[in-house]
Amino acid sequence: MKTFTCNTCTVKLVEAAYARAWWFRVVREPLRAGMLALGKIYGIDPAAYNVAGAHCGGCPRIIKCALKERSGLFRVLNTAVNPVFDRLLEALVSGEQVKDAKDFAARSMRGEVKE
């Protein structure tokens, strides 16, 4: 079983972005769906990864990290799309929300977050 580690809780940031801009969902969800579909094509099983936080088990970041290791196609697409996506997300969330997402991820990886 592989161990999964995370530095920033993307789910927390995405939730904040969804609350701030209704249209962000229209941008993110097709990207997420494509990533999940590629994960299925490549046979990635998120349950095969050991995560410290029980709530982290279904995180799409697990699939993203595995795809970066296994799929040249995904690496090319991610190299093109991820910087634009990150800039968009950073424009929608505050520095405090980023700090909170980093803190949440750190606590989660230490097993301190129960829910």
Protein backbone atom coordinates (compact mmCIF):
# COMPACT_ATOMS: atom_id res chain seq x y z
CA MET A 1 0.00 0.00 0.00
CA LYS A 2 1.35 3.40 -1.01
CA THR A 3 1.27 6.32 1.38
CA PHE A 4 -0.36 9.54 0.22
CA THR A 5 0.72 12.90 1.60
CA CYS A 6 -0.76 16.32 0.97
CA ASN A 7 0.46 19.86 1.64
CA THR A 8 -2.69 21.84 0.84
CA CYS A 9 -6.28 20.69 1.07
CA THR A 10 -7.59 21.44 -2.41
CA VAL A 11 -11.09 20.41 -1.35
CA LYS A 12 -11.16 23.24 1.20
CA LEU A 13 -9.97 25.75 -1.41
CA VAL A 14 -12.46 24.53 -4.00
CA GLU A 15 -15.33 24.79 -1.50
CA ALA A 16 -14.32 28.41 -0.83
CA ALA A 17 -14.10 29.14 -4.55
CA TYR A 18 -17.53 27.58 -5.16
CA ALA A 19 -18.99 29.81 -2.44
CA ARG A 20 -17.45 32.90 -4.03
CA ALA A 21 -18.05 32.27 -7.73
CA TRP A 22 -20.91 30.11 -9.04
CA TRP A 23 -19.20 29.74 -12.43
CA PHE A 24 -16.08 28.13 -10.95
CA ARG A 25 -18.01 24.86 -10.78
CA VAL A 26 -18.54 25.05 -14.56
CA VAL A 27 -14.76 25.32 -15.02
CA ARG A 28 -13.66 22.72 -12.47
CA GLU A 29 -16.18 19.91 -12.77
CA PRO A 30 -15.37 18.94 -16.40
CA LEU A 31 -11.67 18.89 -15.51
CA ARG A 32 -12.37 16.76 -12.45
CA ALA A 33 -14.60 14.38 -14.43
CA GLY A 34 -11.90 13.95 -17.08
CA MET A 35 -9.30 13.24 -14.42
CA LEU A 36 -11.54 10.67 -12.72
CA ALA A 37 -12.25 9.02 -16.09
CA LEU A 38 -8.51 8.77 -16.83
CA GLY A 39 -8.04 7.32 -13.36
CA LYS A 40 -10.52 4.56 -14.20
CA ILE A 41 -8.87 3.94 -17.58
CA TYR A 42 -5.48 3.57 -15.88
CA GLY A 43 -6.96 1.36 -13.15
CA ILE A 44 -6.11 3.68 -10.29
CA ASP A 45 -7.70 2.58 -7.03
CA PRO A 46 -7.69 5.37 -4.42
CA ALA A 47 -8.36 2.74 -1.75
CA ALA A 48 -4.89 1.33 -2.43
CA TYR A 49 -3.35 4.43 -0.85
CA ASN A 50 -2.78 4.85 2.86
CA VAL A 51 -4.01 8.26 4.02
CA ALA A 52 -3.71 9.64 7.52
CA GLY A 53 -7.03 11.48 7.48
CA ALA A 54 -10.08 9.25 7.18
CA HIS A 55 -11.90 11.96 5.23
CA CYS A 56 -9.02 12.16 2.70
CA GLY A 57 -9.68 8.69 1.25
CA GLY A 58 -11.91 9.93 -1.56
CA CYS A 59 -9.83 12.98 -2.44
CA PRO A 60 -9.32 13.45 -6.18
CA ARG A 61 -5.74 14.55 -5.46
CA ILE A 62 -4.88 10.87 -4.89
CA ILE A 63 -5.92 10.10 -8.46
CA LYS A 64 -4.09 13.17 -9.74
CA CYS A 65 -0.83 12.14 -8.08
CA ALA A 66 -1.15 8.57 -9.38
CA LEU A 67 -1.89 9.82 -12.90
CA LYS A 68 1.22 12.00 -12.81
CA GLU A 69 3.23 8.82 -12.19
CA ARG A 70 1.49 6.60 -14.75
CA SER A 71 0.17 8.70 -17.63
CA GLY A 72 2.21 10.69 -20.11
CA LEU A 73 -1.03 12.06 -21.57
CA PHE A 74 -2.11 13.33 -18.16
CA ARG A 75 1.29 14.92 -17.53
CA VAL A 76 1.04 16.85 -20.82
CA LEU A 77 -2.53 17.97 -20.10
CA ASN A 78 -1.71 18.84 -16.48
CA THR A 79 1.31 20.90 -17.55
CA ALA A 80 -0.93 22.96 -19.82
CA VAL A 81 -4.03 23.29 -17.63
CA ASN A 82 -2.82 23.25 -14.02
CA PRO A 83 -1.01 26.63 -13.99
CA VAL A 84 -4.09 28.38 -15.40
CA PHE A 85 -6.38 26.54 -12.98
CA ASP A 86 -4.12 27.40 -10.02
CA ARG A 87 -4.06 31.11 -10.93
CA LEU A 88 -7.85 31.12 -11.24
CA LEU A 89 -8.28 29.37 -7.90
CA GLU A 90 -5.80 31.70 -6.18
CA ALA A 91 -7.73 34.70 -7.54
CA LEU A 92 -10.91 33.40 -5.92
CA VAL A 93 -9.60 32.51 -2.47
CA SER A 94 -7.92 34.69 0.11
CA GLY A 95 -4.45 34.25 1.52
CA GLU A 96 -6.07 33.32 4.83
CA GLN A 97 -8.06 30.55 3.15
CA VAL A 98 -4.87 29.19 1.56
CA LYS A 99 -3.15 29.27 4.96
CA ASP A 100 -6.12 27.46 6.53
CA ALA A 101 -6.08 24.81 3.76
CA LYS A 102 -2.36 24.23 4.31
CA ASP A 103 -2.87 24.00 8.08
CA PHE A 104 -5.81 21.62 7.63
CA ALA A 105 -3.75 19.35 5.35
CA ALA A 106 -0.83 19.31 7.79
CA ARG A 107 -3.11 18.43 10.71
CA SER A 108 -4.88 15.82 8.61
CA MET A 109 -1.61 14.16 7.58
CA ARG A 110 -0.67 13.95 11.26
CA GLY A 111 -4.01 12.24 11.94
CA GLU A 112 -5.30 15.11 14.08
CA VAL A 113 -8.48 15.74 12.05
CA LYS A 114 -11.27 13.36 12.93
CA GLU A 115 -13.95 14.51 10.45
